Every structure is written in C-alpha cells, then in structure tokens.
Amino acid sequence: MNSAISPSREGADRLRRGVLWAIFALVLMIPKVNRLRRRRRTWNLVRVLMAVAGAGMLALAAARGYAVTPIAAGALMLLFALIVTPERPEFSIDARARELGALIVVDGGSYIDASGSHQRVKLFLAPDRLLVLNLALQILAEIPLQEIRTLTVEPASAAWSLRVQRPGTTEKFVYEGTFGEHLARVAEATLRGQLHRDLPVLR
C-alpha cells in the first residue's frame, strides 16, 4: 500500500502549522502591542509597516508558486494591520476627580446653562466647590460652596429638577426618567453633606 502523503494533505498541514505559528507569535506580542496601541502615531506607523510587509509576502508567494506558509503569514499580517486600530483614549472619571481634588462624583442629570441649552453632566464635589463637567469631562461651571444659599428638589413636568441658588443666579439640573426623583435627591443630599458647617441653614 502506498503510504505517500498527497500534495493536498501536505499543503494543508503546512498551512495549519503556519497559522498556529503566527497565532503563537501574536499571543506573545499582546502586552507589547497593547502598550503601542496607546501611542496612536507609533501604532499607526507599525500598522503601515505590517500591511506593507504582509502585502509583500503575498506578492512574493504568488510570484514563486503560492507557497502556503508565506501566504498564511502575509494574510494574517495584513488582516491584523487592518483590524487592530489604535486604542481610543478613555476618559477616566476617577483620574479627573483626583486632578480636580474632588471627593465625590454624582449624576448631574441635564444641566441648563445661561443660554437655555441642555447638557448631560456629572457633579464633582471638592471640599470647597462644586464643579459641573460634561460627559467629555470638561468644566462647564464652578460654584464655590460658600456661595450656595438654598438647594431645592421639585417636580418639573415629567421630570425632577435640582436648583442650586446662589447670589444673583440659580443653577438648574433636570433629571428625567423613572429614577429622576431618586437621582435628584441623591445629588441634593450629597451636596448638603459637603457644605461647610458655618453656612446658613438651607431649606
């Protein structure tokens, strides 16, 4: 009986070995790749080089008769370069709170600014001030706690509002949805807990 391995079987075995080798190499590189992905320009340069190298290997394999291993490696390199994009920068609320010296962060609902526009916000409470930040963690308003005169939670149509009154102006935060009242009262209670003892009694 002829025990010779057919060319197709041999080609399949070589392809499998090539793919496994490439996967093993990529697994070993994951920690380094993750670090590089945080550096957008560097990683984009690496992607370009990998894409060029992968395309070159595919072209070389085609010119030399479709060798299985170079085709598999080149295809994987090209696919990897196209799929694995730079890591998107994540906004860390904890890091931003430490940067601003905030002790507590609570949901601020929708902040209504002087122009009447609504923006979803977070309330960052520092020992001496209240900071209103949008979802990109940019400061929209800064309120010294010593200026706060009253805190009021009340229904507003189908929502609930938290009003922070200080001399000459009132900041309004609107909470919508099923838990609107709960979120508004949590924000109010948290604010009260951070106010200085020597402030006027709040209603």
C-alpha atoms as a PDB file:
ATOM      1  CA  MET A   1       0.000   0.000   0.000  1.00  0.00           C
ATOM      2  CA  ASN A   2       1.339   3.404  -0.981  1.00  0.00           C
ATOM      3  CA  SER A   3       1.826   5.473   2.173  1.00  0.00           C
ATOM      4  CA  ALA A   4       2.938   8.642   0.366  1.00  0.00           C
ATOM      5  CA  ILE A   5       1.199  11.775   1.603  1.00  0.00           C
ATOM      6  CA  SER A   6      -0.791  13.551  -1.077  1.00  0.00           C
ATOM      7  CA  PRO A   7       0.273  17.088  -2.071  1.00  0.00           C
ATOM      8  CA  SER A   8      -3.050  18.494  -0.867  1.00  0.00           C
ATOM      9  CA  ARG A   9      -2.654  16.860   2.565  1.00  0.00           C
ATOM     10  CA  GLU A  10       0.895  18.129   2.834  1.00  0.00           C
ATOM     11  CA  GLY A  11      -0.225  21.634   1.853  1.00  0.00           C
ATOM     12  CA  ALA A  12      -2.990  21.583   4.468  1.00  0.00           C
ATOM     13  CA  ASP A  13      -0.528  20.502   7.156  1.00  0.00           C
ATOM     14  CA  ARG A  14       1.872  23.289   6.235  1.00  0.00           C
ATOM     15  CA  LEU A  15      -0.955  25.821   6.272  1.00  0.00           C
ATOM     16  CA  ARG A  16      -2.067  24.663   9.717  1.00  0.00           C
ATOM     17  CA  ARG A  17       1.474  24.863  11.080  1.00  0.00           C
ATOM     18  CA  GLY A  18       1.931  28.322   9.577  1.00  0.00           C
ATOM     19  CA  VAL A  19      -1.317  29.619  11.082  1.00  0.00           C
ATOM     20  CA  LEU A  20      -0.518  28.148  14.513  1.00  0.00           C
ATOM     21  CA  TRP A  21       2.958  29.661  14.415  1.00  0.00           C
ATOM     22  CA  ALA A  22       1.549  33.088  13.546  1.00  0.00           C
ATOM     23  CA  ILE A  23      -1.098  32.882  16.292  1.00  0.00           C
ATOM     24  CA  PHE A  24       1.501  31.838  18.874  1.00  0.00           C
ATOM     25  CA  ALA A  25       3.754  34.744  17.886  1.00  0.00           C
ATOM     26  CA  LEU A  26       0.864  37.212  18.132  1.00  0.00           C
ATOM     27  CA  VAL A  27      -0.119  35.936  21.599  1.00  0.00           C
ATOM     28  CA  LEU A  28       3.417  36.529  22.843  1.00  0.00           C
ATOM     29  CA  MET A  29       3.288  40.051  21.446  1.00  0.00           C
ATOM     30  CA  ILE A  30      -0.047  41.063  23.044  1.00  0.00           C
ATOM     31  CA  PRO A  31       1.433  43.002  26.022  1.00  0.00           C
ATOM     32  CA  LYS A  32       3.770  44.975  23.760  1.00  0.00           C
ATOM     33  CA  VAL A  33       1.003  45.552  21.223  1.00  0.00           C
ATOM     34  CA  ASN A  34      -1.328  46.932  23.910  1.00  0.00           C
ATOM     35  CA  ARG A  35       1.336  49.398  25.030  1.00  0.00           C
ATOM     36  CA  LEU A  36       1.957  50.508  21.467  1.00  0.00           C
ATOM     37  CA  ARG A  37      -1.751  50.918  20.749  1.00  0.00           C
ATOM     38  CA  ARG A  38      -1.934  53.643  23.384  1.00  0.00           C
ATOM     39  CA  ARG A  39       0.581  55.652  21.322  1.00  0.00           C
ATOM     40  CA  ARG A  40      -1.549  56.488  18.305  1.00  0.00           C
ATOM     41  CA  ARG A  41       1.148  57.740  15.917  1.00  0.00           C
ATOM     42  CA  THR A  42       3.589  54.951  16.710  1.00  0.00           C
ATOM     43  CA  TRP A  43       0.951  52.256  16.327  1.00  0.00           C
ATOM     44  CA  ASN A  44      -0.290  53.677  13.011  1.00  0.00           C
ATOM     45  CA  LEU A  45       3.293  53.542  11.716  1.00  0.00           C
ATOM     46  CA  VAL A  46       3.565  49.916  12.864  1.00  0.00           C
ATOM     47  CA  ARG A  47       0.284  49.110  11.103  1.00  0.00           C
ATOM     48  CA  VAL A  48       1.528  50.627   7.854  1.00  0.00           C
ATOM     49  CA  LEU A  49       4.765  48.631   8.039  1.00  0.00           C
ATOM     50  CA  MET A  50       2.882  45.415   8.815  1.00  0.00           C
ATOM     51  CA  ALA A  51       0.452  45.994   5.946  1.00  0.00           C
ATOM     52  CA  VAL A  52       3.307  46.619   3.517  1.00  0.00           C
ATOM     53  CA  ALA A  53       5.204  43.556   4.761  1.00  0.00           C
ATOM     54  CA  GLY A  54       2.081  41.392   4.559  1.00  0.00           C
ATOM     55  CA  ALA A  55       1.270  42.562   1.044  1.00  0.00           C
ATOM     56  CA  GLY A  56       4.888  41.990   0.049  1.00  0.00           C
ATOM     57  CA  MET A  57       4.821  38.424   1.372  1.00  0.00           C
ATOM     58  CA  LEU A  58       1.610  37.713  -0.532  1.00  0.00           C
ATOM     59  CA  ALA A  59       3.093  39.111  -3.740  1.00  0.00           C
ATOM     60  CA  LEU A  60       6.311  37.123  -3.268  1.00  0.00           C
ATOM     61  CA  ALA A  61       4.396  33.924  -2.552  1.00  0.00           C
ATOM     62  CA  ALA A  62       2.280  34.423  -5.659  1.00  0.00           C
ATOM     63  CA  ALA A  63       5.366  35.015  -7.805  1.00  0.00           C
ATOM     64  CA  ARG A  64       7.047  31.848  -6.501  1.00  0.00           C
ATOM     65  CA  GLY A  65       4.134  29.494  -6.907  1.00  0.00           C
ATOM     66  CA  TYR A  66       1.784  30.129  -3.975  1.00  0.00           C
ATOM     67  CA  ALA A  67       3.874  28.787  -1.088  1.00  0.00           C
ATOM     68  CA  VAL A  68       1.436  28.074   1.733  1.00  0.00           C
ATOM     69  CA  THR A  69       3.310  29.416   4.761  1.00  0.00           C
ATOM     70  CA  PRO A  70       4.215  32.845   3.308  1.00  0.00           C
ATOM     71  CA  ILE A  71       0.629  33.260   2.090  1.00  0.00           C
ATOM     72  CA  ALA A  72      -0.789  32.480   5.553  1.00  0.00           C
ATOM     73  CA  ALA A  73       1.697  34.739   7.334  1.00  0.00           C
ATOM     74  CA  GLY A  74       1.236  37.577   4.858  1.00  0.00           C
ATOM     75  CA  ALA A  75      -2.556  37.351   5.012  1.00  0.00           C
ATOM     76  CA  LEU A  76      -2.522  37.370   8.833  1.00  0.00           C
ATOM     77  CA  MET A  77      -0.174  40.365   8.969  1.00  0.00           C
ATOM     78  CA  LEU A  78      -2.321  42.292   6.515  1.00  0.00           C
ATOM     79  CA  LEU A  79      -5.527  41.411   8.335  1.00  0.00           C
ATOM     80  CA  PHE A  80      -4.010  42.274  11.728  1.00  0.00           C
ATOM     81  CA  ALA A  81      -2.835  45.678  10.463  1.00  0.00           C
ATOM     82  CA  LEU A  82      -6.297  46.496   9.123  1.00  0.00           C
ATOM     83  CA  ILE A  83      -8.341  45.305  12.106  1.00  0.00           C
ATOM     84  CA  VAL A  84      -6.311  46.296  15.184  1.00  0.00           C
ATOM     85  CA  THR A  85      -6.691  50.065  15.364  1.00  0.00           C
ATOM     86  CA  PRO A  86      -5.114  52.419  17.940  1.00  0.00           C
ATOM     87  CA  GLU A  87      -6.668  52.250  21.369  1.00  0.00           C
ATOM     88  CA  ARG A  88      -9.160  55.021  21.893  1.00  0.00           C
ATOM     89  CA  PRO A  89      -8.305  57.332  24.785  1.00  0.00           C
ATOM     90  CA  GLU A  90     -10.662  56.722  27.661  1.00  0.00           C
ATOM     91  CA  PHE A  91     -11.821  59.475  29.934  1.00  0.00           C
ATOM     92  CA  SER A  92     -11.314  58.338  33.492  1.00  0.00           C
ATOM     93  CA  ILE A  93     -13.722  59.912  35.950  1.00  0.00           C
ATOM     94  CA  ASP A  94     -11.542  58.784  38.862  1.00  0.00           C
ATOM     95  CA  ALA A  95      -8.422  60.351  37.357  1.00  0.00           C
ATOM     96  CA  ARG A  96     -10.294  63.582  36.601  1.00  0.00           C
ATOM     97  CA  ALA A  97     -11.672  63.675  40.147  1.00  0.00           C
ATOM     98  CA  ARG A  98      -8.161  63.323  41.582  1.00  0.00           C
ATOM     99  CA  GLU A  99      -6.922  66.050  39.259  1.00  0.00           C
ATOM    100  CA  LEU A 100      -9.641  68.444  40.421  1.00  0.00           C
ATOM    101  CA  GLY A 101      -9.415  67.460  44.081  1.00  0.00           C
ATOM    102  CA  ALA A 102     -13.000  66.178  44.063  1.00  0.00           C
ATOM    103  CA  LEU A 103     -14.068  63.796  46.819  1.00  0.00           C
ATOM    104  CA  ILE A 104     -17.383  62.619  45.352  1.00  0.00           C
ATOM    105  CA  VAL A 105     -18.879  62.388  41.851  1.00  0.00           C
ATOM    106  CA  VAL A 106     -22.639  62.123  41.293  1.00  0.00           C
ATOM    107  CA  ASP A 107     -25.006  62.238  38.346  1.00  0.00           C
ATOM    108  CA  GLY A 108     -25.949  65.801  37.480  1.00  0.00           C
ATOM    109  CA  GLY A 109     -28.740  64.986  35.037  1.00  0.00           C
ATOM    110  CA  SER A 110     -29.111  67.649  32.342  1.00  0.00           C
ATOM    111  CA  TYR A 111     -27.542  70.994  33.159  1.00  0.00           C
ATOM    112  CA  ILE A 112     -29.396  74.036  31.813  1.00  0.00           C
ATOM    113  CA  ASP A 113     -26.894  76.809  31.165  1.00  0.00           C
ATOM    114  CA  ALA A 114     -27.467  80.541  30.744  1.00  0.00           C
ATOM    115  CA  SER A 115     -28.382  80.121  27.067  1.00  0.00           C
ATOM    116  CA  GLY A 116     -31.048  77.525  27.900  1.00  0.00           C
ATOM    117  CA  SER A 117     -29.272  74.587  26.287  1.00  0.00           C
ATOM    118  CA  HIS A 118     -29.205  71.190  27.995  1.00  0.00           C
ATOM    119  CA  GLN A 119     -26.053  69.128  28.524  1.00  0.00           C
ATOM    120  CA  ARG A 120     -25.637  65.837  30.335  1.00  0.00           C
ATOM    121  CA  VAL A 121     -23.270  66.401  33.240  1.00  0.00           C
ATOM    122  CA  LYS A 122     -21.537  64.948  36.272  1.00  0.00           C
ATOM    123  CA  LEU A 123     -21.207  66.859  39.536  1.00  0.00           C
ATOM    124  CA  PHE A 124     -17.719  66.788  41.072  1.00  0.00           C
ATOM    125  CA  LEU A 125     -17.721  67.814  44.722  1.00  0.00           C
ATOM    126  CA  ALA A 126     -14.480  69.174  46.130  1.00  0.00           C
ATOM    127  CA  PRO A 127     -14.124  70.333  49.768  1.00  0.00           C
ATOM    128  CA  ASP A 128     -14.746  73.961  48.788  1.00  0.00           C
ATOM    129  CA  ARG A 129     -16.512  73.944  45.421  1.00  0.00           C
ATOM    130  CA  LEU A 130     -18.959  72.216  43.113  1.00  0.00           C
ATOM    131  CA  LEU A 131     -17.737  71.547  39.590  1.00  0.00           C
ATOM    132  CA  VAL A 132     -20.119  70.829  36.728  1.00  0.00           C
ATOM    133  CA  LEU A 133     -18.487  68.729  33.983  1.00  0.00           C
ATOM    134  CA  ASN A 134     -19.914  67.480  30.697  1.00  0.00           C
ATOM    135  CA  LEU A 135     -19.503  63.880  29.529  1.00  0.00           C
ATOM    136  CA  ALA A 136     -16.160  64.794  27.924  1.00  0.00           C
ATOM    137  CA  LEU A 137     -15.085  65.837  31.456  1.00  0.00           C
ATOM    138  CA  GLN A 138     -14.747  69.492  30.533  1.00  0.00           C
ATOM    139  CA  ILE A 139     -15.669  72.060  33.183  1.00  0.00           C
ATOM    140  CA  LEU A 140     -18.893  73.940  32.388  1.00  0.00           C
ATOM    141  CA  ALA A 141     -19.374  75.715  35.717  1.00  0.00           C
ATOM    142  CA  GLU A 142     -17.622  76.122  39.040  1.00  0.00           C
ATOM    143  CA  ILE A 143     -19.615  77.031  42.149  1.00  0.00           C
ATOM    144  CA  PRO A 144     -17.911  77.861  45.456  1.00  0.00           C
ATOM    145  CA  LEU A 145     -19.800  76.022  48.198  1.00  0.00           C
ATOM    146  CA  GLN A 146     -19.779  79.112  50.401  1.00  0.00           C
ATOM    147  CA  GLU A 147     -21.948  80.901  47.827  1.00  0.00           C
ATOM    148  CA  ILE A 148     -24.737  78.311  47.897  1.00  0.00           C
ATOM    149  CA  ARG A 149     -27.819  79.630  49.722  1.00  0.00           C
ATOM    150  CA  THR A 150     -30.536  77.059  49.008  1.00  0.00           C
ATOM    151  CA  LEU A 151     -30.948  73.620  47.479  1.00  0.00           C
ATOM    152  CA  THR A 152     -34.362  72.690  46.130  1.00  0.00           C
ATOM    153  CA  VAL A 153     -35.649  69.470  44.602  1.00  0.00           C
ATOM    154  CA  GLU A 154     -39.033  69.745  42.898  1.00  0.00           C
ATOM    155  CA  PRO A 155     -41.065  68.140  40.109  1.00  0.00           C
ATOM    156  CA  ALA A 156     -40.668  69.708  36.665  1.00  0.00           C
ATOM    157  CA  SER A 157     -43.279  68.430  34.188  1.00  0.00           C
ATOM    158  CA  ALA A 158     -42.417  64.745  33.701  1.00  0.00           C
ATOM    159  CA  ALA A 159     -39.010  65.155  35.340  1.00  0.00           C
ATOM    160  CA  TRP A 160     -37.436  66.400  38.561  1.00  0.00           C
ATOM    161  CA  SER A 161     -35.159  69.380  38.992  1.00  0.00           C
ATOM    162  CA  LEU A 162     -32.432  70.298  41.440  1.00  0.00           C
ATOM    163  CA  ARG A 163     -31.948  74.032  41.883  1.00  0.00           C
ATOM    164  CA  VAL A 164     -28.743  75.384  43.381  1.00  0.00           C
ATOM    165  CA  GLN A 165     -29.305  79.007  44.313  1.00  0.00           C
ATOM    166  CA  ARG A 166     -26.509  81.484  44.966  1.00  0.00           C
ATOM    167  CA  PRO A 167     -26.421  85.283  44.949  1.00  0.00           C
ATOM    168  CA  GLY A 168     -27.522  86.597  41.571  1.00  0.00           C
ATOM    169  CA  THR A 169     -28.119  83.248  39.851  1.00  0.00           C
ATOM    170  CA  THR A 170     -29.640  79.794  40.110  1.00  0.00           C
ATOM    171  CA  GLU A 171     -28.126  76.668  38.573  1.00  0.00           C
ATOM    172  CA  LYS A 172     -30.691  74.114  37.394  1.00  0.00           C
ATOM    173  CA  PHE A 173     -30.224  70.388  36.865  1.00  0.00           C
ATOM    174  CA  VAL A 174     -33.028  68.302  35.370  1.00  0.00           C
ATOM    175  CA  TYR A 175     -33.366  64.568  35.996  1.00  0.00           C
ATOM    176  CA  GLU A 176     -35.615  62.584  33.677  1.00  0.00           C
ATOM    177  CA  GLY A 177     -36.817  59.005  33.627  1.00  0.00           C
ATOM    178  CA  THR A 178     -38.104  56.540  36.177  1.00  0.00           C
ATOM    179  CA  PHE A 179     -35.340  57.275  38.684  1.00  0.00           C
ATOM    180  CA  GLY A 180     -35.334  61.047  38.148  1.00  0.00           C
ATOM    181  CA  GLU A 181     -36.535  61.901  41.648  1.00  0.00           C
ATOM    182  CA  HIS A 182     -34.132  59.456  43.276  1.00  0.00           C
ATOM    183  CA  LEU A 183     -31.118  60.817  41.376  1.00  0.00           C
ATOM    184  CA  ALA A 184     -32.091  64.413  42.128  1.00  0.00           C
ATOM    185  CA  ARG A 185     -32.425  63.694  45.849  1.00  0.00           C
ATOM    186  CA  VAL A 186     -29.134  61.782  45.933  1.00  0.00           C
ATOM    187  CA  ALA A 187     -27.381  64.791  44.372  1.00  0.00           C
ATOM    188  CA  GLU A 188     -29.086  67.160  46.835  1.00  0.00           C
ATOM    189  CA  ALA A 189     -28.178  65.021  49.863  1.00  0.00           C
ATOM    190  CA  THR A 190     -24.581  64.708  48.685  1.00  0.00           C
ATOM    191  CA  LEU A 191     -24.303  68.452  48.208  1.00  0.00           C
ATOM    192  CA  ARG A 192     -25.703  69.125  51.655  1.00  0.00           C
ATOM    193  CA  GLY A 193     -23.204  66.743  53.174  1.00  0.00           C
ATOM    194  CA  GLN A 194     -20.306  68.682  51.626  1.00  0.00           C
ATOM    195  CA  LEU A 195     -21.407  72.155  52.661  1.00  0.00           C
ATOM    196  CA  HIS A 196     -19.438  73.907  55.395  1.00  0.00           C
ATOM    197  CA  ARG A 197     -20.975  73.910  58.878  1.00  0.00           C
ATOM    198  CA  ASP A 198     -20.831  77.688  59.096  1.00  0.00           C
ATOM    199  CA  LEU A 199     -23.070  78.211  56.045  1.00  0.00           C
ATOM    200  CA  PRO A 200     -26.618  79.498  56.510  1.00  0.00           C
ATOM    201  CA  VAL A 201     -29.220  76.800  57.171  1.00  0.00           C
ATOM    202  CA  LEU A 202     -30.518  75.505  53.836  1.00  0.00           C
ATOM    203  CA  ARG A 203     -34.192  74.988  53.141  1.00  0.00           C
END
